[in-house]
Amino acid sequence: MKTRILIVDDELSMREFLSILVEREGYEAVVAAHAEQALELLETSLFDLVISDVQMPGLNGIELLGRIKARTPETARS
């Protein structure tokens, strides 16, 4: 099973770029256009890594990662 990476960015061009880069390295990329969409995906899917933009409208990347950590305390932060 491939490593699954969730990419969260409000800019379409950045989501596309990161998705291509991740897939070229042999990983599975899943994209979300905003933090709320990422949280919905995290409700139903497991990911090995989340890459998030910091500055996004609504819930920002730091807040998103805080919510992920609150839901799954075993999640590593770096």
PDB file of N, CA and C in Angstrom:
ATOM      1  N   MET A   1       0.838  -1.187   0.000  1.00  0.00           N
ATOM      2  CA  MET A   1       0.000   0.000   0.000  1.00  0.00           C
ATOM      3  C   MET A   1       0.883   1.250   0.000  1.00  0.00           C
ATOM      4  N   LYS A   2       0.546   2.200  -0.845  1.00  0.00           N
ATOM      5  CA  LYS A   2       1.330   3.437  -0.949  1.00  0.00           C
ATOM      6  C   LYS A   2       1.116   4.343   0.258  1.00  0.00           C
ATOM      7  N   THR A   3       2.144   5.098   0.573  1.00  0.00           N
ATOM      8  CA  THR A   3       2.028   6.139   1.585  1.00  0.00           C
ATOM      9  C   THR A   3       1.062   7.197   1.058  1.00  0.00           C
ATOM     10  N   ARG A   4       0.092   7.590   1.905  1.00  0.00           N
ATOM     11  CA  ARG A   4      -0.920   8.573   1.494  1.00  0.00           C
ATOM     12  C   ARG A   4      -0.604   9.928   2.111  1.00  0.00           C
ATOM     13  N   ILE A   5      -0.576  10.943   1.263  1.00  0.00           N
ATOM     14  CA  ILE A   5      -0.257  12.297   1.716  1.00  0.00           C
ATOM     15  C   ILE A   5      -1.421  13.218   1.377  1.00  0.00           C
ATOM     16  N   LEU A   6      -1.902  13.933   2.381  1.00  0.00           N
ATOM     17  CA  LEU A   6      -2.965  14.920   2.199  1.00  0.00           C
ATOM     18  C   LEU A   6      -2.317  16.285   2.028  1.00  0.00           C
ATOM     19  N   ILE A   7      -2.643  16.942   0.928  1.00  0.00           N
ATOM     20  CA  ILE A   7      -2.107  18.272   0.613  1.00  0.00           C
ATOM     21  C   ILE A   7      -3.243  19.277   0.750  1.00  0.00           C
ATOM     22  N   VAL A   8      -3.047  20.282   1.588  1.00  0.00           N
ATOM     23  CA  VAL A   8      -4.084  21.287   1.852  1.00  0.00           C
ATOM     24  C   VAL A   8      -3.543  22.656   1.477  1.00  0.00           C
ATOM     25  N   ASP A   9      -4.165  23.270   0.488  1.00  0.00           N
ATOM     26  CA  ASP A   9      -3.735  24.607   0.052  1.00  0.00           C
ATOM     27  C   ASP A   9      -4.893  25.257  -0.684  1.00  0.00           C
ATOM     28  N   ASP A  10      -5.108  26.541  -0.421  1.00  0.00           N
ATOM     29  CA  ASP A  10      -6.205  27.243  -1.080  1.00  0.00           C
ATOM     30  C   ASP A  10      -5.866  27.648  -2.511  1.00  0.00           C
ATOM     31  N   GLU A  11      -4.615  27.547  -2.910  1.00  0.00           N
ATOM     32  CA  GLU A  11      -4.220  27.900  -4.276  1.00  0.00           C
ATOM     33  C   GLU A  11      -4.170  26.643  -5.152  1.00  0.00           C
ATOM     34  N   LEU A  12      -4.983  26.637  -6.188  1.00  0.00           N
ATOM     35  CA  LEU A  12      -5.066  25.488  -7.090  1.00  0.00           C
ATOM     36  C   LEU A  12      -3.709  25.133  -7.686  1.00  0.00           C
ATOM     37  N   SER A  13      -2.951  26.120  -8.122  1.00  0.00           N
ATOM     38  CA  SER A  13      -1.655  25.839  -8.751  1.00  0.00           C
ATOM     39  C   SER A  13      -0.695  25.143  -7.784  1.00  0.00           C
ATOM     40  N   MET A  14      -0.722  25.521  -6.517  1.00  0.00           N
ATOM     41  CA  MET A  14       0.151  24.897  -5.525  1.00  0.00           C
ATOM     42  C   MET A  14      -0.304  23.465  -5.235  1.00  0.00           C
ATOM     43  N   ARG A  15      -1.613  23.253  -5.139  1.00  0.00           N
ATOM     44  CA  ARG A  15      -2.130  21.893  -4.939  1.00  0.00           C
ATOM     45  C   ARG A  15      -1.709  20.985  -6.090  1.00  0.00           C
ATOM     46  N   GLU A  16      -1.848  21.491  -7.305  1.00  0.00           N
ATOM     47  CA  GLU A  16      -1.473  20.696  -8.477  1.00  0.00           C
ATOM     48  C   GLU A  16       0.023  20.409  -8.492  1.00  0.00           C
ATOM     49  N   PHE A  17       0.832  21.413  -8.220  1.00  0.00           N
ATOM     50  CA  PHE A  17       2.286  21.251  -8.216  1.00  0.00           C
ATOM     51  C   PHE A  17       2.716  20.213  -7.180  1.00  0.00           C
ATOM     52  N   LEU A  18       2.230  20.364  -5.949  1.00  0.00           N
ATOM     53  CA  LEU A  18       2.620  19.437  -4.883  1.00  0.00           C
ATOM     54  C   LEU A  18       2.116  18.024  -5.158  1.00  0.00           C
ATOM     55  N   SER A  19       0.933  17.920  -5.719  1.00  0.00           N
ATOM     56  CA  SER A  19       0.377  16.612  -6.055  1.00  0.00           C
ATOM     57  C   SER A  19       1.251  15.896  -7.085  1.00  0.00           C
ATOM     58  N   ILE A  20       1.653  16.607  -8.124  1.00  0.00           N
ATOM     59  CA  ILE A  20       2.532  16.032  -9.152  1.00  0.00           C
ATOM     60  C   ILE A  20       3.859  15.617  -8.533  1.00  0.00           C
ATOM     61  N   LEU A  21       4.428  16.465  -7.718  1.00  0.00           N
ATOM     62  CA  LEU A  21       5.710  16.184  -7.074  1.00  0.00           C
ATOM     63  C   LEU A  21       5.631  14.945  -6.175  1.00  0.00           C
ATOM     64  N   VAL A  22       4.601  14.870  -5.369  1.00  0.00           N
ATOM     65  CA  VAL A  22       4.412  13.742  -4.449  1.00  0.00           C
ATOM     66  C   VAL A  22       4.203  12.442  -5.222  1.00  0.00           C
ATOM     67  N   GLU A  23       3.358  12.485  -6.247  1.00  0.00           N
ATOM     68  CA  GLU A  23       3.088  11.281  -7.030  1.00  0.00           C
ATOM     69  C   GLU A  23       4.312  10.835  -7.823  1.00  0.00           C
ATOM     70  N   ARG A  24       5.099  11.775  -8.286  1.00  0.00           N
ATOM     71  CA  ARG A  24       6.331  11.450  -9.006  1.00  0.00           C
ATOM     72  C   ARG A  24       7.305  10.683  -8.121  1.00  0.00           C
ATOM     73  N   GLU A  25       7.228  10.927  -6.811  1.00  0.00           N
ATOM     74  CA  GLU A  25       8.089  10.239  -5.847  1.00  0.00           C
ATOM     75  C   GLU A  25       7.500   8.889  -5.424  1.00  0.00           C
ATOM     76  N   GLY A  26       6.335   8.550  -5.958  1.00  0.00           N
ATOM     77  CA  GLY A  26       5.749   7.239  -5.692  1.00  0.00           C
ATOM     78  C   GLY A  26       4.715   7.188  -4.580  1.00  0.00           C
ATOM     79  N   TYR A  27       4.279   8.345  -4.099  1.00  0.00           N
ATOM     80  CA  TYR A  27       3.279   8.398  -3.045  1.00  0.00           C
ATOM     81  C   TYR A  27       1.909   8.676  -3.641  1.00  0.00           C
ATOM     82  N   GLU A  28       0.872   8.407  -2.845  1.00  0.00           N
ATOM     83  CA  GLU A  28      -0.480   8.753  -3.258  1.00  0.00           C
ATOM     84  C   GLU A  28      -0.809  10.135  -2.703  1.00  0.00           C
ATOM     85  N   ALA A  29      -1.254  11.032  -3.565  1.00  0.00           N
ATOM     86  CA  ALA A  29      -1.599  12.391  -3.150  1.00  0.00           C
ATOM     87  C   ALA A  29      -3.110  12.575  -3.174  1.00  0.00           C
ATOM     88  N   VAL A  30      -3.628  13.168  -2.108  1.00  0.00           N
ATOM     89  CA  VAL A  30      -5.027  13.562  -2.022  1.00  0.00           C
ATOM     90  C   VAL A  30      -5.010  15.046  -1.701  1.00  0.00           C
ATOM     91  N   VAL A  31      -5.848  15.830  -2.373  1.00  0.00           N
ATOM     92  CA  VAL A  31      -5.806  17.280  -2.168  1.00  0.00           C
ATOM     93  C   VAL A  31      -7.102  17.805  -1.558  1.00  0.00           C
ATOM     94  N   ALA A  32      -6.950  18.885  -0.795  1.00  0.00           N
ATOM     95  CA  ALA A  32      -8.080  19.606  -0.224  1.00  0.00           C
ATOM     96  C   ALA A  32      -7.841  21.096  -0.454  1.00  0.00           C
ATOM     97  N   ALA A  33      -8.904  21.805  -0.806  1.00  0.00           N
ATOM     98  CA  ALA A  33      -8.797  23.225  -1.123  1.00  0.00           C
ATOM     99  C   ALA A  33      -8.815  24.123   0.110  1.00  0.00           C
ATOM    100  N   HIS A  34      -9.219  23.585   1.249  1.00  0.00           N
ATOM    101  CA  HIS A  34      -9.251  24.366   2.477  1.00  0.00           C
ATOM    102  C   HIS A  34      -9.270  23.428   3.673  1.00  0.00           C
ATOM    103  N   ALA A  35      -9.048  23.981   4.841  1.00  0.00           N
ATOM    104  CA  ALA A  35      -8.918  23.180   6.061  1.00  0.00           C
ATOM    105  C   ALA A  35     -10.186  22.397   6.377  1.00  0.00           C
ATOM    106  N   GLU A  36     -11.327  23.007   6.162  1.00  0.00           N
ATOM    107  CA  GLU A  36     -12.584  22.322   6.454  1.00  0.00           C
ATOM    108  C   GLU A  36     -12.739  21.065   5.597  1.00  0.00           C
ATOM    109  N   GLN A  37     -12.358  21.151   4.340  1.00  0.00           N
ATOM    110  CA  GLN A  37     -12.407  19.993   3.455  1.00  0.00           C
ATOM    111  C   GLN A  37     -11.415  18.931   3.931  1.00  0.00           C
ATOM    112  N   ALA A  38     -10.266  19.347   4.373  1.00  0.00           N
ATOM    113  CA  ALA A  38      -9.271  18.412   4.899  1.00  0.00           C
ATOM    114  C   ALA A  38      -9.817  17.672   6.113  1.00  0.00           C
ATOM    115  N   LEU A  39     -10.486  18.377   7.009  1.00  0.00           N
ATOM    116  CA  LEU A  39     -11.061  17.737   8.194  1.00  0.00           C
ATOM    117  C   LEU A  39     -12.120  16.716   7.802  1.00  0.00           C
ATOM    118  N   GLU A  40     -12.906  17.022   6.776  1.00  0.00           N
ATOM    119  CA  GLU A  40     -13.901  16.059   6.283  1.00  0.00           C
ATOM    120  C   GLU A  40     -13.207  14.804   5.754  1.00  0.00           C
ATOM    121  N   LEU A  41     -12.144  14.981   4.988  1.00  0.00           N
ATOM    122  CA  LEU A  41     -11.399  13.834   4.466  1.00  0.00           C
ATOM    123  C   LEU A  41     -10.796  13.009   5.597  1.00  0.00           C
ATOM    124  N   LEU A  42     -10.326  13.674   6.625  1.00  0.00           N
ATOM    125  CA  LEU A  42      -9.705  12.987   7.757  1.00  0.00           C
ATOM    126  C   LEU A  42     -10.718  12.195   8.584  1.00  0.00           C
ATOM    127  N   GLU A  43     -11.989  12.532   8.454  1.00  0.00           N
ATOM    128  CA  GLU A  43     -13.040  11.785   9.153  1.00  0.00           C
ATOM    129  C   GLU A  43     -13.190  10.381   8.578  1.00  0.00           C
ATOM    130  N   THR A  44     -12.937  10.239   7.280  1.00  0.00           N
ATOM    131  CA  THR A  44     -13.222   8.974   6.596  1.00  0.00           C
ATOM    132  C   THR A  44     -11.987   8.269   6.042  1.00  0.00           C
ATOM    133  N   SER A  45     -10.844   8.918   6.064  1.00  0.00           N
ATOM    134  CA  SER A  45      -9.641   8.342   5.461  1.00  0.00           C
ATOM    135  C   SER A  45      -8.449   8.508   6.390  1.00  0.00           C
ATOM    136  N   LEU A  46      -7.488   7.624   6.222  1.00  0.00           N
ATOM    137  CA  LEU A  46      -6.240   7.717   6.970  1.00  0.00           C
ATOM    138  C   LEU A  46      -5.137   8.241   6.064  1.00  0.00           C
ATOM    139  N   PHE A  47      -4.291   9.091   6.616  1.00  0.00           N
ATOM    140  CA  PHE A  47      -3.174   9.649   5.877  1.00  0.00           C
ATOM    141  C   PHE A  47      -1.904   9.467   6.697  1.00  0.00           C
ATOM    142  N   ASP A  48      -0.809   9.285   5.998  1.00  0.00           N
ATOM    143  CA  ASP A  48       0.486   9.145   6.649  1.00  0.00           C
ATOM    144  C   ASP A  48       1.132  10.490   6.931  1.00  0.00           C
ATOM    145  N   LEU A  49       0.744  11.494   6.150  1.00  0.00           N
ATOM    146  CA  LEU A  49       1.349  12.819   6.260  1.00  0.00           C
ATOM    147  C   LEU A  49       0.354  13.855   5.776  1.00  0.00           C
ATOM    148  N   VAL A  50       0.343  15.010   6.434  1.00  0.00           N
ATOM    149  CA  VAL A  50      -0.464  16.153   5.990  1.00  0.00           C
ATOM    150  C   VAL A  50       0.491  17.300   5.719  1.00  0.00           C
ATOM    151  N   ILE A  51       0.406  17.852   4.515  1.00  0.00           N
ATOM    152  CA  ILE A  51       1.168  19.048   4.147  1.00  0.00           C
ATOM    153  C   ILE A  51       0.148  20.169   4.001  1.00  0.00           C
ATOM    154  N   SER A  52       0.311  21.217   4.782  1.00  0.00           N
ATOM    155  CA  SER A  52      -0.683  22.283   4.775  1.00  0.00           C
ATOM    156  C   SER A  52      -0.049  23.653   4.595  1.00  0.00           C
ATOM    157  N   ASP A  53      -0.712  24.466   3.798  1.00  0.00           N
ATOM    158  CA  ASP A  53      -0.384  25.880   3.706  1.00  0.00           C
ATOM    159  C   ASP A  53      -0.685  26.488   5.078  1.00  0.00           C
ATOM    160  N   VAL A  54       0.022  27.524   5.452  1.00  0.00           N
ATOM    161  CA  VAL A  54      -0.227  28.165   6.743  1.00  0.00           C
ATOM    162  C   VAL A  54      -1.321  29.213   6.606  1.00  0.00           C
ATOM    163  N   GLN A  55      -1.216  30.075   5.600  1.00  0.00           N
ATOM    164  CA  GLN A  55      -2.175  31.167   5.440  1.00  0.00           C
ATOM    165  C   GLN A  55      -3.265  30.773   4.453  1.00  0.00           C
ATOM    166  N   MET A  56      -4.434  30.474   5.014  1.00  0.00           N
ATOM    167  CA  MET A  56      -5.603  30.151   4.202  1.00  0.00           C
ATOM    168  C   MET A  56      -6.794  30.883   4.799  1.00  0.00           C
ATOM    169  N   PRO A  57      -7.786  31.209   3.967  1.00  0.00           N
ATOM    170  CA  PRO A  57      -8.993  31.831   4.515  1.00  0.00           C
ATOM    171  C   PRO A  57      -9.719  30.850   5.438  1.00  0.00           C
ATOM    172  N   GLY A  58     -10.423  31.381   6.399  1.00  0.00           N
ATOM    173  CA  GLY A  58     -11.115  30.512   7.353  1.00  0.00           C
ATOM    174  C   GLY A  58     -10.106  29.937   8.331  1.00  0.00           C
ATOM    175  N   LEU A  59     -10.168  28.650   8.523  1.00  0.00           N
ATOM    176  CA  LEU A  59      -9.252  27.950   9.411  1.00  0.00           C
ATOM    177  C   LEU A  59      -7.870  27.916   8.772  1.00  0.00           C
ATOM    178  N   ASN A  60      -6.844  28.429   9.451  1.00  0.00           N
ATOM    179  CA  ASN A  60      -5.508  28.437   8.846  1.00  0.00           C
ATOM    180  C   ASN A  60      -4.802  27.106   9.094  1.00  0.00           C
ATOM    181  N   GLY A  61      -3.633  26.943   8.509  1.00  0.00           N
ATOM    182  CA  GLY A  61      -2.901  25.687   8.582  1.00  0.00           C
ATOM    183  C   GLY A  61      -2.479  25.303   9.984  1.00  0.00           C
ATOM    184  N   ILE A  62      -2.096  26.267  10.791  1.00  0.00           N
ATOM    185  CA  ILE A  62      -1.689  25.981  12.171  1.00  0.00           C
ATOM    186  C   ILE A  62      -2.894  25.487  12.967  1.00  0.00           C
ATOM    187  N   GLU A  63      -4.038  26.130  12.782  1.00  0.00           N
ATOM    188  CA  GLU A  63      -5.256  25.691  13.469  1.00  0.00           C
ATOM    189  C   GLU A  63      -5.675  24.299  12.998  1.00  0.00           C
ATOM    190  N   LEU A  64      -5.538  24.041  11.702  1.00  0.00           N
ATOM    191  CA  LEU A  64      -5.857  22.721  11.158  1.00  0.00           C
ATOM    192  C   LEU A  64      -5.002  21.654  11.828  1.00  0.00           C
ATOM    193  N   LEU A  65      -3.705  21.864  11.881  1.00  0.00           N
ATOM    194  CA  LEU A  65      -2.819  20.876  12.478  1.00  0.00           C
ATOM    195  C   LEU A  65      -3.109  20.708  13.968  1.00  0.00           C
ATOM    196  N   GLY A  66      -3.516  21.775  14.640  1.00  0.00           N
ATOM    197  CA  GLY A  66      -3.918  21.676  16.048  1.00  0.00           C
ATOM    198  C   GLY A  66      -5.149  20.803  16.217  1.00  0.00           C
ATOM    199  N   ARG A  67      -6.104  20.935  15.313  1.00  0.00           N
ATOM    200  CA  ARG A  67      -7.313  20.098  15.385  1.00  0.00           C
ATOM    201  C   ARG A  67      -7.000  18.637  15.079  1.00  0.00           C
ATOM    202  N   ILE A  68      -6.095  18.426  14.141  1.00  0.00           N
ATOM    203  CA  ILE A  68      -5.685  17.049  13.835  1.00  0.00           C
ATOM    204  C   ILE A  68      -5.039  16.442  15.076  1.00  0.00           C
ATOM    205  N   LYS A  69      -4.155  17.174  15.710  1.00  0.00           N
ATOM    206  CA  LYS A  69      -3.456  16.700  16.910  1.00  0.00           C
ATOM    207  C   LYS A  69      -4.448  16.430  18.041  1.00  0.00           C
ATOM    208  N   ALA A  70      -5.463  17.278  18.181  1.00  0.00           N
ATOM    209  CA  ALA A  70      -6.466  17.088  19.229  1.00  0.00           C
ATOM    210  C   ALA A  70      -7.274  15.807  18.988  1.00  0.00           C
ATOM    211  N   ARG A  71      -7.561  15.508  17.732  1.00  0.00           N
ATOM    212  CA  ARG A  71      -8.333  14.294  17.390  1.00  0.00           C
ATOM    213  C   ARG A  71      -7.503  13.046  17.568  1.00  0.00           C
ATOM    214  N   THR A  72      -6.234  13.122  17.178  1.00  0.00           N
ATOM    215  CA  THR A  72      -5.347  11.961  17.231  1.00  0.00           C
ATOM    216  C   THR A  72      -4.053  12.377  17.914  1.00  0.00           C
ATOM    217  N   PRO A  73      -4.027  12.317  19.232  1.00  0.00           N
ATOM    218  CA  PRO A  73      -2.860  12.776  19.989  1.00  0.00           C
ATOM    219  C   PRO A  73      -1.556  12.073  19.628  1.00  0.00           C
ATOM    220  N   GLU A  74      -1.640  10.872  19.063  1.00  0.00           N
ATOM    221  CA  GLU A  74      -0.416  10.143  18.696  1.00  0.00           C
ATOM    222  C   GLU A  74       0.238  10.702  17.433  1.00  0.00           C
ATOM    223  N   THR A  75      -0.419  11.642  16.780  1.00  0.00           N
ATOM    224  CA  THR A  75       0.132  12.253  15.583  1.00  0.00           C
ATOM    225  C   THR A  75       1.391  13.031  15.916  1.00  0.00           C
ATOM    226  N   ALA A  76       2.441  12.792  15.152  1.00  0.00           N
ATOM    227  CA  ALA A  76       3.701  13.506  15.377  1.00  0.00           C
ATOM    228  C   ALA A  76       3.614  14.908  14.799  1.00  0.00           C
ATOM    229  N   ARG A  77       4.307  15.841  15.412  1.00  0.00           N
ATOM    230  CA  ARG A  77       4.393  17.212  14.902  1.00  0.00           C
ATOM    231  C   ARG A  77       5.849  17.516  14.633  1.00  0.00           C
ATOM    232  N   SER A  78       6.064  18.256  13.548  1.00  0.00           N
ATOM    233  CA  SER A  78       7.428  18.720  13.291  1.00  0.00           C
ATOM    234  C   SER A  78       7.392  20.010  12.534  1.00  0.00           C
TER     235      SER A  78
END
